[in-house]
PDB file of N, CA and C in Angstrom:
ATOM      1  N   UNK A   1      10.429 184.339 -43.619  1.00  0.00           N
ATOM      2  CA  UNK A   1       9.308 184.523 -42.722  1.00  0.00           C
ATOM      3  C   UNK A   1       8.049 183.904 -43.301  1.00  0.00           C
ATOM      4  N   UNK A   2       7.161 183.455 -42.432  1.00  0.00           N
ATOM      5  CA  UNK A   2       5.966 182.731 -42.872  1.00  0.00           C
ATOM      6  C   UNK A   2       4.719 183.607 -42.846  1.00  0.00           C
ATOM      7  N   UNK A   3       4.831 184.858 -43.176  1.00  0.00           N
ATOM      8  CA  UNK A   3       3.660 185.718 -43.140  1.00  0.00           C
ATOM      9  C   UNK A   3       2.627 185.278 -44.166  1.00  0.00           C
ATOM     10  N   UNK A   4       1.381 185.237 -43.749  1.00  0.00           N
ATOM     11  CA  UNK A   4       0.231 184.932 -44.602  1.00  0.00           C
ATOM     12  C   UNK A   4       0.298 183.569 -45.271  1.00  0.00           C
ATOM     13  N   UNK A   5       0.901 182.601 -44.613  1.00  0.00           N
ATOM     14  CA  UNK A   5       0.903 181.227 -45.118  1.00  0.00           C
ATOM     15  C   UNK A   5      -0.243 180.498 -44.445  1.00  0.00           C
ATOM     16  N   UNK A   6      -1.021 179.759 -45.223  1.00  0.00           N
ATOM     17  CA  UNK A   6      -2.251 179.189 -44.705  1.00  0.00           C
ATOM     18  C   UNK A   6      -2.095 177.938 -43.871  1.00  0.00           C
ATOM     19  N   UNK A   7      -1.157 177.056 -44.218  1.00  0.00           N
ATOM     20  CA  UNK A   7      -1.051 175.782 -43.527  1.00  0.00           C
ATOM     21  C   UNK A   7       0.337 175.211 -43.751  1.00  0.00           C
ATOM     22  N   UNK A   8       0.655 174.143 -43.011  1.00  0.00           N
ATOM     23  CA  UNK A   8       1.925 173.450 -43.187  1.00  0.00           C
ATOM     24  C   UNK A   8       1.749 172.366 -44.244  1.00  0.00           C
ATOM     25  N   UNK A   9       2.712 172.228 -45.129  1.00  0.00           N
ATOM     26  CA  UNK A   9       2.591 171.247 -46.199  1.00  0.00           C
ATOM     27  C   UNK A   9       3.037 169.859 -45.767  1.00  0.00           C
ATOM     28  N   UNK A  10       3.853 169.749 -44.744  1.00  0.00           N
ATOM     29  CA  UNK A  10       4.255 168.483 -44.140  1.00  0.00           C
ATOM     30  C   UNK A  10       4.955 167.537 -45.121  1.00  0.00           C
ATOM     31  N   UNK A  11       5.555 168.075 -46.170  1.00  0.00           N
ATOM     32  CA  UNK A  11       6.283 167.285 -47.168  1.00  0.00           C
ATOM     33  C   UNK A  11       5.432 166.175 -47.785  1.00  0.00           C
ATOM     34  N   UNK A  12       4.182 166.474 -48.042  1.00  0.00           N
ATOM     35  CA  UNK A  12       3.282 165.492 -48.637  1.00  0.00           C
ATOM     36  C   UNK A  12       2.482 166.153 -49.742  1.00  0.00           C
ATOM     37  N   UNK A  13       2.014 165.329 -50.668  1.00  0.00           N
ATOM     38  CA  UNK A  13       1.090 165.820 -51.686  1.00  0.00           C
ATOM     39  C   UNK A  13      -0.234 166.165 -51.011  1.00  0.00           C
ATOM     40  N   UNK A  14      -1.029 166.982 -51.659  1.00  0.00           N
ATOM     41  CA  UNK A  14      -2.252 167.486 -51.044  1.00  0.00           C
ATOM     42  C   UNK A  14      -3.191 166.369 -50.617  1.00  0.00           C
ATOM     43  N   UNK A  15      -3.433 165.399 -51.480  1.00  0.00           N
ATOM     44  CA  UNK A  15      -4.362 164.324 -51.129  1.00  0.00           C
ATOM     45  C   UNK A  15      -3.827 163.472 -49.993  1.00  0.00           C
ATOM     46  N   UNK A  16      -2.522 163.224 -49.970  1.00  0.00           N
ATOM     47  CA  UNK A  16      -1.927 162.443 -48.882  1.00  0.00           C
ATOM     48  C   UNK A  16      -1.992 163.198 -47.560  1.00  0.00           C
ATOM     49  N   UNK A  17      -1.732 164.512 -47.611  1.00  0.00           N
ATOM     50  CA  UNK A  17      -1.765 165.327 -46.396  1.00  0.00           C
ATOM     51  C   UNK A  17      -3.169 165.373 -45.811  1.00  0.00           C
ATOM     52  N   UNK A  18      -4.166 165.577 -46.662  1.00  0.00           N
ATOM     53  CA  UNK A  18      -5.545 165.640 -46.182  1.00  0.00           C
ATOM     54  C   UNK A  18      -5.972 164.294 -45.607  1.00  0.00           C
ATOM     55  N   UNK A  19      -5.600 163.196 -46.263  1.00  0.00           N
ATOM     56  CA  UNK A  19      -5.946 161.870 -45.759  1.00  0.00           C
ATOM     57  C   UNK A  19      -5.289 161.608 -44.409  1.00  0.00           C
ATOM     58  N   UNK A  20      -4.028 162.013 -44.250  1.00  0.00           N
ATOM     59  CA  UNK A  20      -3.325 161.809 -42.985  1.00  0.00           C
ATOM     60  C   UNK A  20      -3.987 162.610 -41.864  1.00  0.00           C
ATOM     61  N   UNK A  21      -4.329 163.864 -42.127  1.00  0.00           N
ATOM     62  CA  UNK A  21      -4.952 164.699 -41.103  1.00  0.00           C
ATOM     63  C   UNK A  21      -6.347 164.189 -40.744  1.00  0.00           C
ATOM     64  N   UNK A  22      -7.074 163.687 -41.729  1.00  0.00           N
ATOM     65  CA  UNK A  22      -8.391 163.105 -41.445  1.00  0.00           C
ATOM     66  C   UNK A  22      -8.265 161.849 -40.604  1.00  0.00           C
ATOM     67  N   UNK A  23      -7.259 161.029 -40.874  1.00  0.00           N
ATOM     68  CA  UNK A  23      -7.098 159.809 -40.082  1.00  0.00           C
ATOM     69  C   UNK A  23      -6.668 160.134 -38.658  1.00  0.00           C
ATOM     70  N   UNK A  24      -5.831 161.143 -38.480  1.00  0.00           N
ATOM     71  CA  UNK A  24      -5.456 161.572 -37.126  1.00  0.00           C
ATOM     72  C   UNK A  24      -6.680 162.085 -36.388  1.00  0.00           C
ATOM     73  N   UNK A  25      -7.505 162.883 -37.071  1.00  0.00           N
ATOM     74  CA  UNK A  25      -8.722 163.422 -36.458  1.00  0.00           C
ATOM     75  C   UNK A  25      -9.689 162.311 -36.075  1.00  0.00           C
ATOM     76  N   UNK A  26      -9.868 161.355 -36.960  1.00  0.00           N
ATOM     77  CA  UNK A  26     -10.766 160.234 -36.698  1.00  0.00           C
ATOM     78  C   UNK A  26     -10.263 159.402 -35.512  1.00  0.00           C
ATOM     79  N   UNK A  27      -8.966 159.132 -35.472  1.00  0.00           N
ATOM     80  CA  UNK A  27      -8.381 158.363 -34.376  1.00  0.00           C
ATOM     81  C   UNK A  27      -8.510 159.116 -33.057  1.00  0.00           C
ATOM     82  N   UNK A  28      -8.380 160.429 -33.101  1.00  0.00           N
ATOM     83  CA  UNK A  28      -8.506 161.226 -31.887  1.00  0.00           C
ATOM     84  C   UNK A  28      -9.914 161.156 -31.326  1.00  0.00           C
ATOM     85  N   UNK A  29     -10.912 161.204 -32.196  1.00  0.00           N
ATOM     86  CA  UNK A  29     -12.292 161.115 -31.716  1.00  0.00           C
ATOM     87  C   UNK A  29     -12.646 159.701 -31.258  1.00  0.00           C
ATOM     88  N   UNK A  30     -11.998 158.687 -31.797  1.00  0.00           N
ATOM     89  CA  UNK A  30     -12.263 157.318 -31.358  1.00  0.00           C
ATOM     90  C   UNK A  30     -11.620 157.033 -30.013  1.00  0.00           C
ATOM     91  N   UNK A  31     -10.357 157.423 -29.848  1.00  0.00           N
ATOM     92  CA  UNK A  31      -9.586 157.029 -28.676  1.00  0.00           C
ATOM     93  C   UNK A  31      -9.482 158.099 -27.599  1.00  0.00           C
ATOM     94  N   UNK A  32      -9.650 159.363 -27.976  1.00  0.00           N
ATOM     95  CA  UNK A  32      -9.525 160.436 -26.995  1.00  0.00           C
ATOM     96  C   UNK A  32      -8.141 161.046 -26.927  1.00  0.00           C
ATOM     97  N   UNK A  33      -7.130 160.309 -27.327  1.00  0.00           N
ATOM     98  CA  UNK A  33      -5.755 160.816 -27.364  1.00  0.00           C
ATOM     99  C   UNK A  33      -4.967 160.062 -28.415  1.00  0.00           C
ATOM    100  N   UNK A  34      -4.003 160.776 -29.025  1.00  0.00           N
ATOM    101  CA  UNK A  34      -3.203 160.217 -30.098  1.00  0.00           C
ATOM    102  C   UNK A  34      -1.768 160.677 -29.899  1.00  0.00           C
ATOM    103  N   UNK A  35      -0.829 159.766 -30.098  1.00  0.00           N
ATOM    104  CA  UNK A  35       0.595 160.096 -30.037  1.00  0.00           C
ATOM    105  C   UNK A  35       1.080 160.362 -31.452  1.00  0.00           C
ATOM    106  N   UNK A  36       1.557 161.595 -31.713  1.00  0.00           N
ATOM    107  CA  UNK A  36       1.882 162.007 -33.076  1.00  0.00           C
ATOM    108  C   UNK A  36       2.984 163.062 -33.028  1.00  0.00           C
ATOM    109  N   UNK A  37       3.630 163.293 -34.178  1.00  0.00           N
ATOM    110  CA  UNK A  37       4.674 164.308 -34.272  1.00  0.00           C
ATOM    111  C   UNK A  37       4.058 165.696 -34.072  1.00  0.00           C
ATOM    112  N   UNK A  38       4.838 166.596 -33.503  1.00  0.00           N
ATOM    113  CA  UNK A  38       4.330 167.903 -33.098  1.00  0.00           C
ATOM    114  C   UNK A  38       3.734 168.708 -34.258  1.00  0.00           C
ATOM    115  N   UNK A  39       4.398 168.769 -35.400  1.00  0.00           N
ATOM    116  CA  UNK A  39       3.875 169.570 -36.509  1.00  0.00           C
ATOM    117  C   UNK A  39       2.575 168.988 -37.062  1.00  0.00           C
ATOM    118  N   UNK A  40       2.488 167.661 -37.097  1.00  0.00           N
ATOM    119  CA  UNK A  40       1.245 167.029 -37.542  1.00  0.00           C
ATOM    120  C   UNK A  40       0.123 167.297 -36.543  1.00  0.00           C
ATOM    121  N   UNK A  41       0.457 167.299 -35.265  1.00  0.00           N
ATOM    122  CA  UNK A  41      -0.546 167.569 -34.232  1.00  0.00           C
ATOM    123  C   UNK A  41      -1.058 168.999 -34.339  1.00  0.00           C
ATOM    124  N   UNK A  42      -0.171 169.933 -34.627  1.00  0.00           N
ATOM    125  CA  UNK A  42      -0.590 171.323 -34.746  1.00  0.00           C
ATOM    126  C   UNK A  42      -1.527 171.517 -35.928  1.00  0.00           C
ATOM    127  N   UNK A  43      -1.294 170.812 -37.015  1.00  0.00           N
ATOM    128  CA  UNK A  43      -2.177 170.901 -38.173  1.00  0.00           C
ATOM    129  C   UNK A  43      -3.485 170.164 -37.924  1.00  0.00           C
ATOM    130  N   UNK A  44      -3.413 168.992 -37.302  1.00  0.00           N
ATOM    131  CA  UNK A  44      -4.627 168.217 -37.034  1.00  0.00           C
ATOM    132  C   UNK A  44      -5.515 168.935 -36.025  1.00  0.00           C
ATOM    133  N   UNK A  45      -4.903 169.683 -35.127  1.00  0.00           N
ATOM    134  CA  UNK A  45      -5.666 170.418 -34.116  1.00  0.00           C
ATOM    135  C   UNK A  45      -6.623 171.403 -34.781  1.00  0.00           C
ATOM    136  N   UNK A  46      -6.200 172.014 -35.882  1.00  0.00           N
ATOM    137  CA  UNK A  46      -7.069 172.949 -36.592  1.00  0.00           C
ATOM    138  C   UNK A  46      -8.325 172.244 -37.086  1.00  0.00           C
ATOM    139  N   UNK A  47      -8.149 171.029 -37.623  1.00  0.00           N
ATOM    140  CA  UNK A  47      -9.273 170.275 -38.150  1.00  0.00           C
ATOM    141  C   UNK A  47     -10.191 169.800 -37.021  1.00  0.00           C
ATOM    142  N   UNK A  48      -9.612 169.373 -35.913  1.00  0.00           N
ATOM    143  CA  UNK A  48     -10.394 168.896 -34.770  1.00  0.00           C
ATOM    144  C   UNK A  48     -11.241 170.024 -34.192  1.00  0.00           C
ATOM    145  N   UNK A  49     -10.645 171.202 -34.026  1.00  0.00           N
ATOM    146  CA  UNK A  49     -11.377 172.348 -33.481  1.00  0.00           C
ATOM    147  C   UNK A  49     -12.545 172.718 -34.396  1.00  0.00           C
ATOM    148  N   UNK A  50     -12.327 172.628 -35.703  1.00  0.00           N
ATOM    149  CA  UNK A  50     -13.390 172.948 -36.651  1.00  0.00           C
ATOM    150  C   UNK A  50     -14.546 171.970 -36.538  1.00  0.00           C
ATOM    151  N   UNK A  51     -14.240 170.681 -36.427  1.00  0.00           N
ATOM    152  CA  UNK A  51     -15.293 169.666 -36.343  1.00  0.00           C
ATOM    153  C   UNK A  51     -16.070 169.812 -35.037  1.00  0.00           C
ATOM    154  N   UNK A  52     -15.387 170.099 -33.936  1.00  0.00           N
ATOM    155  CA  UNK A  52     -16.088 170.273 -32.659  1.00  0.00           C
ATOM    156  C   UNK A  52     -16.984 171.500 -32.705  1.00  0.00           C
ATOM    157  N   UNK A  53     -16.523 172.574 -33.333  1.00  0.00           N
ATOM    158  CA  UNK A  53     -17.365 173.763 -33.476  1.00  0.00           C
ATOM    159  C   UNK A  53     -18.602 173.459 -34.318  1.00  0.00           C
ATOM    160  N   UNK A  54     -18.438 172.648 -35.357  1.00  0.00           N
ATOM    161  CA  UNK A  54     -19.596 172.228 -36.151  1.00  0.00           C
ATOM    162  C   UNK A  54     -20.561 171.403 -35.303  1.00  0.00           C
ATOM    163  N   UNK A  55     -20.022 170.521 -34.471  1.00  0.00           N
ATOM    164  CA  UNK A  55     -20.870 169.673 -33.632  1.00  0.00           C
ATOM    165  C   UNK A  55     -21.633 170.492 -32.604  1.00  0.00           C
ATOM    166  N   UNK A  56     -21.015 171.549 -32.103  1.00  0.00           N
ATOM    167  CA  UNK A  56     -21.719 172.398 -31.145  1.00  0.00           C
ATOM    168  C   UNK A  56     -22.874 173.133 -31.804  1.00  0.00           C
ATOM    169  N   UNK A  57     -22.706 173.475 -33.076  1.00  0.00           N
ATOM    170  CA  UNK A  57     -23.787 174.150 -33.784  1.00  0.00           C
ATOM    171  C   UNK A  57     -24.964 173.203 -33.967  1.00  0.00           C
ATOM    172  N   UNK A  58     -24.695 171.977 -34.401  1.00  0.00           N
ATOM    173  CA  UNK A  58     -25.676 170.901 -34.363  1.00  0.00           C
ATOM    174  C   UNK A  58     -26.719 170.828 -35.459  1.00  0.00           C
ATOM    175  N   UNK A  59     -26.713 171.685 -36.454  1.00  0.00           N
ATOM    176  CA  UNK A  59     -27.734 171.597 -37.487  1.00  0.00           C
ATOM    177  C   UNK A  59     -27.332 170.605 -38.581  1.00  0.00           C
ATOM    178  N   UNK A  60     -28.199 170.408 -39.541  1.00  0.00           N
ATOM    179  CA  UNK A  60     -27.982 169.412 -40.586  1.00  0.00           C
ATOM    180  C   UNK A  60     -26.786 169.770 -41.473  1.00  0.00           C
ATOM    181  N   UNK A  61     -26.658 171.029 -41.792  1.00  0.00           N
ATOM    182  CA  UNK A  61     -25.536 171.473 -42.618  1.00  0.00           C
ATOM    183  C   UNK A  61     -24.205 171.207 -41.915  1.00  0.00           C
ATOM    184  N   UNK A  62     -24.150 171.457 -40.629  1.00  0.00           N
ATOM    185  CA  UNK A  62     -22.937 171.199 -39.854  1.00  0.00           C
ATOM    186  C   UNK A  62     -22.625 169.707 -39.817  1.00  0.00           C
ATOM    187  N   UNK A  63     -23.659 168.892 -39.692  1.00  0.00           N
ATOM    188  CA  UNK A  63     -23.458 167.441 -39.675  1.00  0.00           C
ATOM    189  C   UNK A  63     -22.893 166.945 -41.008  1.00  0.00           C
ATOM    190  N   UNK A  64     -23.398 167.478 -42.110  1.00  0.00           N
ATOM    191  CA  UNK A  64     -22.885 167.087 -43.427  1.00  0.00           C
ATOM    192  C   UNK A  64     -21.438 167.519 -43.602  1.00  0.00           C
ATOM    193  N   UNK A  65     -21.104 168.714 -43.136  1.00  0.00           N
ATOM    194  CA  UNK A  65     -19.720 169.175 -43.222  1.00  0.00           C
ATOM    195  C   UNK A  65     -18.799 168.311 -42.369  1.00  0.00           C
ATOM    196  N   UNK A  66     -19.244 167.909 -41.196  1.00  0.00           N
ATOM    197  CA  UNK A  66     -18.435 167.051 -40.324  1.00  0.00           C
ATOM    198  C   UNK A  66     -18.244 165.673 -40.952  1.00  0.00           C
ATOM    199  N   UNK A  67     -19.272 165.130 -41.574  1.00  0.00           N
ATOM    200  CA  UNK A  67     -19.146 163.832 -42.237  1.00  0.00           C
ATOM    201  C   UNK A  67     -18.185 163.915 -43.419  1.00  0.00           C
ATOM    202  N   UNK A  68     -18.132 165.061 -44.084  1.00  0.00           N
ATOM    203  CA  UNK A  68     -17.191 165.207 -45.191  1.00  0.00           C
ATOM    204  C   UNK A  68     -15.752 165.222 -44.699  1.00  0.00           C
ATOM    205  N   UNK A  69     -15.526 165.614 -43.448  1.00  0.00           N
ATOM    206  CA  UNK A  69     -14.172 165.615 -42.892  1.00  0.00           C
ATOM    207  C   UNK A  69     -13.848 164.261 -42.278  1.00  0.00           C
ATOM    208  N   UNK A  70     -14.747 163.727 -41.464  1.00  0.00           N
ATOM    209  CA  UNK A  70     -14.446 162.503 -40.711  1.00  0.00           C
ATOM    210  C   UNK A  70     -14.781 161.240 -41.501  1.00  0.00           C
ATOM    211  N   UNK A  71     -15.859 161.209 -42.214  1.00  0.00           N
ATOM    212  CA  UNK A  71     -16.304 160.093 -43.065  1.00  0.00           C
ATOM    213  C   UNK A  71     -16.631 158.817 -42.299  1.00  0.00           C
ATOM    214  N   UNK A  72     -16.838 158.898 -41.006  1.00  0.00           N
ATOM    215  CA  UNK A  72     -17.309 157.763 -40.223  1.00  0.00           C
ATOM    216  C   UNK A  72     -18.572 158.226 -39.504  1.00  0.00           C
ATOM    217  N   UNK A  73     -19.706 157.741 -39.924  1.00  0.00           N
ATOM    218  CA  UNK A  73     -20.982 158.247 -39.422  1.00  0.00           C
ATOM    219  C   UNK A  73     -21.174 157.975 -37.937  1.00  0.00           C
ATOM    220  N   UNK A  74     -20.638 156.869 -37.433  1.00  0.00           N
ATOM    221  CA  UNK A  74     -20.804 156.553 -36.012  1.00  0.00           C
ATOM    222  C   UNK A  74     -20.070 157.559 -35.134  1.00  0.00           C
ATOM    223  N   UNK A  75     -18.869 157.939 -35.537  1.00  0.00           N
ATOM    224  CA  UNK A  75     -18.104 158.918 -34.767  1.00  0.00           C
ATOM    225  C   UNK A  75     -18.811 160.265 -34.781  1.00  0.00           C
ATOM    226  N   UNK A  76     -19.325 160.654 -35.948  1.00  0.00           N
ATOM    227  CA  UNK A  76     -20.031 161.930 -36.057  1.00  0.00           C
ATOM    228  C   UNK A  76     -21.296 161.917 -35.206  1.00  0.00           C
ATOM    229  N   UNK A  77     -21.999 160.800 -35.207  1.00  0.00           N
ATOM    230  CA  UNK A  77     -23.227 160.693 -34.414  1.00  0.00           C
ATOM    231  C   UNK A  77     -22.930 160.848 -32.924  1.00  0.00           C
ATOM    232  N   UNK A  78     -21.896 160.163 -32.436  1.00  0.00           N
ATOM    233  CA  UNK A  78     -21.531 160.279 -31.023  1.00  0.00           C
ATOM    234  C   UNK A  78     -21.038 161.674 -30.679  1.00  0.00           C
ATOM    235  N   UNK A  79     -20.267 162.273 -31.576  1.00  0.00           N
ATOM    236  CA  UNK A  79     -19.747 163.613 -31.334  1.00  0.00           C
ATOM    237  C   UNK A  79     -20.870 164.633 -31.250  1.00  0.00           C
ATOM    238  N   UNK A  80     -21.820 164.564 -32.165  1.00  0.00           N
ATOM    239  CA  UNK A  80     -22.922 165.517 -32.152  1.00  0.00           C
ATOM    240  C   UNK A  80     -23.833 165.311 -30.950  1.00  0.00           C
ATOM    241  N   UNK A  81     -23.936 164.077 -30.458  1.00  0.00           N
ATOM    242  CA  UNK A  81     -24.762 163.820 -29.279  1.00  0.00           C
ATOM    243  C   UNK A  81     -24.129 164.398 -28.016  1.00  0.00           C
ATOM    244  N   UNK A  82     -22.791 164.364 -27.926  1.00  0.00           N
ATOM    245  CA  UNK A  82     -22.100 164.784 -26.710  1.00  0.00           C
ATOM    246  C   UNK A  82     -21.585 166.216 -26.732  1.00  0.00           C
ATOM    247  N   UNK A  83     -21.523 166.848 -27.873  1.00  0.00           N
ATOM    248  CA  UNK A  83     -20.807 168.116 -28.004  1.00  0.00           C
ATOM    249  C   UNK A  83     -21.417 169.246 -27.186  1.00  0.00           C
ATOM    250  N   UNK A  84     -22.725 169.354 -27.182  1.00  0.00           N
ATOM    251  CA  UNK A  84     -23.350 170.491 -26.495  1.00  0.00           C
ATOM    252  C   UNK A  84     -23.169 170.415 -24.989  1.00  0.00           C
ATOM    253  N   UNK A  85     -23.141 169.218 -24.429  1.00  0.00           N
ATOM    254  CA  UNK A  85     -22.943 169.109 -22.988  1.00  0.00           C
ATOM    255  C   UNK A  85     -21.460 169.092 -22.620  1.00  0.00           C
ATOM    256  N   UNK A  86     -20.657 168.431 -23.430  1.00  0.00           N
ATOM    257  CA  UNK A  86     -19.246 168.260 -23.098  1.00  0.00           C
ATOM    258  C   UNK A  86     -18.420 169.530 -23.290  1.00  0.00           C
ATOM    259  N   UNK A  87     -18.734 170.300 -24.344  1.00  0.00           N
ATOM    260  CA  UNK A  87     -17.944 171.480 -24.660  1.00  0.00           C
ATOM    261  C   UNK A  87     -18.724 172.776 -24.481  1.00  0.00           C
ATOM    262  N   UNK A  88     -19.767 172.752 -23.665  1.00  0.00           N
ATOM    263  CA  UNK A  88     -20.630 173.931 -23.520  1.00  0.00           C
ATOM    264  C   UNK A  88     -19.900 175.110 -22.887  1.00  0.00           C
ATOM    265  N   UNK A  89     -18.995 174.836 -21.969  1.00  0.00           N
ATOM    266  CA  UNK A  89     -18.339 175.927 -21.249  1.00  0.00           C
ATOM    267  C   UNK A  89     -17.185 176.556 -22.025  1.00  0.00           C
ATOM    268  N   UNK A  90     -16.783 175.951 -23.145  1.00  0.00           N
ATOM    269  CA  UNK A  90     -15.644 176.454 -23.913  1.00  0.00           C
ATOM    270  C   UNK A  90     -16.109 177.025 -25.248  1.00  0.00           C
ATOM    271  N   UNK A  91     -15.448 178.098 -25.660  1.00  0.00           N
ATOM    272  CA  UNK A  91     -15.724 178.627 -26.991  1.00  0.00           C
ATOM    273  C   UNK A  91     -14.659 178.186 -27.988  1.00  0.00           C
ATOM    274  N   UNK A  92     -13.510 177.762 -27.483  1.00  0.00           N
ATOM    275  CA  UNK A  92     -12.436 177.225 -28.322  1.00  0.00           C
ATOM    276  C   UNK A  92     -11.446 176.526 -27.399  1.00  0.00           C
ATOM    277  N   UNK A  93     -10.370 176.004 -27.953  1.00  0.00           N
ATOM    278  CA  UNK A  93      -9.364 175.340 -27.130  1.00  0.00           C
ATOM    279  C   UNK A  93      -9.836 173.994 -26.619  1.00  0.00           C
ATOM    280  N   UNK A  94     -10.298 173.144 -27.527  1.00  0.00           N
ATOM    281  CA  UNK A  94     -10.839 171.846 -27.136  1.00  0.00           C
ATOM    282  C   UNK A  94      -9.769 170.770 -27.035  1.00  0.00           C
ATOM    283  N   UNK A  95      -8.559 171.065 -27.459  1.00  0.00           N
ATOM    284  CA  UNK A  95      -7.493 170.065 -27.458  1.00  0.00           C
ATOM    285  C   UNK A  95      -6.325 170.521 -26.595  1.00  0.00           C
ATOM    286  N   UNK A  96      -5.508 169.536 -26.214  1.00  0.00           N
ATOM    287  CA  UNK A  96      -4.294 169.805 -25.436  1.00  0.00           C
ATOM    288  C   UNK A  96      -3.161 169.017 -26.058  1.00  0.00           C
ATOM    289  N   UNK A  97      -1.988 169.640 -26.116  1.00  0.00           N
ATOM    290  CA  UNK A  97      -0.789 168.965 -26.612  1.00  0.00           C
ATOM    291  C   UNK A  97       0.218 168.878 -25.476  1.00  0.00           C
ATOM    292  N   UNK A  98       0.626 167.649 -25.152  1.00  0.00           N
ATOM    293  CA  UNK A  98       1.603 167.412 -24.101  1.00  0.00           C
ATOM    294  C   UNK A  98       2.851 166.821 -24.749  1.00  0.00           C
ATOM    295  N   UNK A  99       3.983 167.504 -24.590  1.00  0.00           N
ATOM    296  CA  UNK A  99       5.220 167.003 -25.179  1.00  0.00           C
ATOM    297  C   UNK A  99       5.702 165.794 -24.387  1.00  0.00           C
ATOM    298  N   UNK A 100       6.031 164.717 -25.117  1.00  0.00           N
ATOM    299  CA  UNK A 100       6.459 163.490 -24.434  1.00  0.00           C
ATOM    300  C   UNK A 100       7.846 163.047 -24.848  1.00  0.00           C
ATOM    301  N   UNK A 101       8.583 163.875 -25.581  1.00  0.00           N
ATOM    302  CA  UNK A 101       9.954 163.522 -25.908  1.00  0.00           C
ATOM    303  C   UNK A 101      10.206 163.495 -27.401  1.00  0.00           C
ATOM    304  N   UNK A 102      11.264 162.786 -27.771  1.00  0.00           N
ATOM    305  CA  UNK A 102      11.671 162.715 -29.171  1.00  0.00           C
ATOM    306  C   UNK A 102      11.545 161.285 -29.674  1.00  0.00           C
ATOM    307  N   UNK A 103      11.295 161.162 -30.953  1.00  0.00           N
ATOM    308  CA  UNK A 103      11.179 159.851 -31.577  1.00  0.00           C
ATOM    309  C   UNK A 103      12.566 159.233 -31.701  1.00  0.00           C
ATOM    310  N   UNK A 104      12.648 157.922 -31.568  1.00  0.00           N
ATOM    311  CA  UNK A 104      13.926 157.214 -31.527  1.00  0.00           C
ATOM    312  C   UNK A 104      14.732 157.366 -32.812  1.00  0.00           C
ATOM    313  N   UNK A 105      14.121 157.208 -33.974  1.00  0.00           N
ATOM    314  CA  UNK A 105      14.867 157.153 -35.221  1.00  0.00           C
ATOM    315  C   UNK A 105      15.438 158.474 -35.688  1.00  0.00           C
ATOM    316  N   UNK A 106      14.618 159.542 -35.672  1.00  0.00           N
ATOM    317  CA  UNK A 106      15.076 160.805 -36.231  1.00  0.00           C
ATOM    318  C   UNK A 106      14.977 161.974 -35.259  1.00  0.00           C
ATOM    319  N   UNK A 107      14.679 161.711 -34.017  1.00  0.00           N
ATOM    320  CA  UNK A 107      14.603 162.722 -32.954  1.00  0.00           C
ATOM    321  C   UNK A 107      13.542 163.787 -33.232  1.00  0.00           C
ATOM    322  N   UNK A 108      12.487 163.398 -33.929  1.00  0.00           N
ATOM    323  CA  UNK A 108      11.377 164.325 -34.162  1.00  0.00           C
ATOM    324  C   UNK A 108      10.591 164.477 -32.856  1.00  0.00           C
ATOM    325  N   UNK A 109      10.191 165.710 -32.516  1.00  0.00           N
ATOM    326  CA  UNK A 109       9.448 165.915 -31.261  1.00  0.00           C
ATOM    327  C   UNK A 109       8.065 165.261 -31.334  1.00  0.00           C
ATOM    328  N   UNK A 110       7.749 164.442 -30.346  1.00  0.00           N
ATOM    329  CA  UNK A 110       6.481 163.712 -30.296  1.00  0.00           C
ATOM    330  C   UNK A 110       5.627 164.305 -29.187  1.00  0.00           C
ATOM    331  N   UNK A 111       4.329 164.455 -29.476  1.00  0.00           N
ATOM    332  CA  UNK A 111       3.385 165.004 -28.492  1.00  0.00           C
ATOM    333  C   UNK A 111       2.206 164.047 -28.347  1.00  0.00           C
ATOM    334  N   UNK A 112       1.489 164.232 -27.260  1.00  0.00           N
ATOM    335  CA  UNK A 112       0.248 163.522 -27.020  1.00  0.00           C
ATOM    336  C   UNK A 112      -0.876 164.521 -27.239  1.00  0.00           C
ATOM    337  N   UNK A 113      -1.665 164.319 -28.280  1.00  0.00           N
ATOM    338  CA  UNK A 113      -2.776 165.196 -28.604  1.00  0.00           C
ATOM    339  C   UNK A 113      -4.033 164.630 -27.958  1.00  0.00           C
ATOM    340  N   UNK A 114      -4.669 165.425 -27.100  1.00  0.00           N
ATOM    341  CA  UNK A 114      -5.833 164.957 -26.319  1.00  0.00           C
ATOM    342  C   UNK A 114      -7.012 165.886 -26.525  1.00  0.00           C
ATOM    343  N   UNK A 115      -8.202 165.326 -26.380  1.00  0.00           N
ATOM    344  CA  UNK A 115      -9.415 166.124 -26.342  1.00  0.00           C
ATOM    345  C   UNK A 115      -9.731 166.389 -24.879  1.00  0.00           C
ATOM    346  N   UNK A 116     -10.022 167.632 -24.556  1.00  0.00           N
ATOM    347  CA  UNK A 116     -10.329 167.976 -23.157  1.00  0.00           C
ATOM    348  C   UNK A 116     -11.737 167.589 -22.780  1.00  0.00           C
TER     349      UNK A 116
END
């Protein structure tokens, strides 16, 4: 049983896992949707929700924390400009996962991760 486990390790070293999740998050904010494996999407969703919550808060400390996660200042600038109007009606649940089938090589479940 997985009681009190903090996150999925995704069979990667810590630095590789964090880099992968940051790149998924960055790509999601650039494109609006990303096609990725289901377990990676579930982990990346946690990071995306955190960054959007920081953007809704909008202060300098939140901006610095978001830049430490995303590391692309242009994406952070656009996100902070749009967050209060775009996500004003929601308190959480900023992403959607749509199952689109299995991957050809290993039959891993693939989802489409979208920002609402």
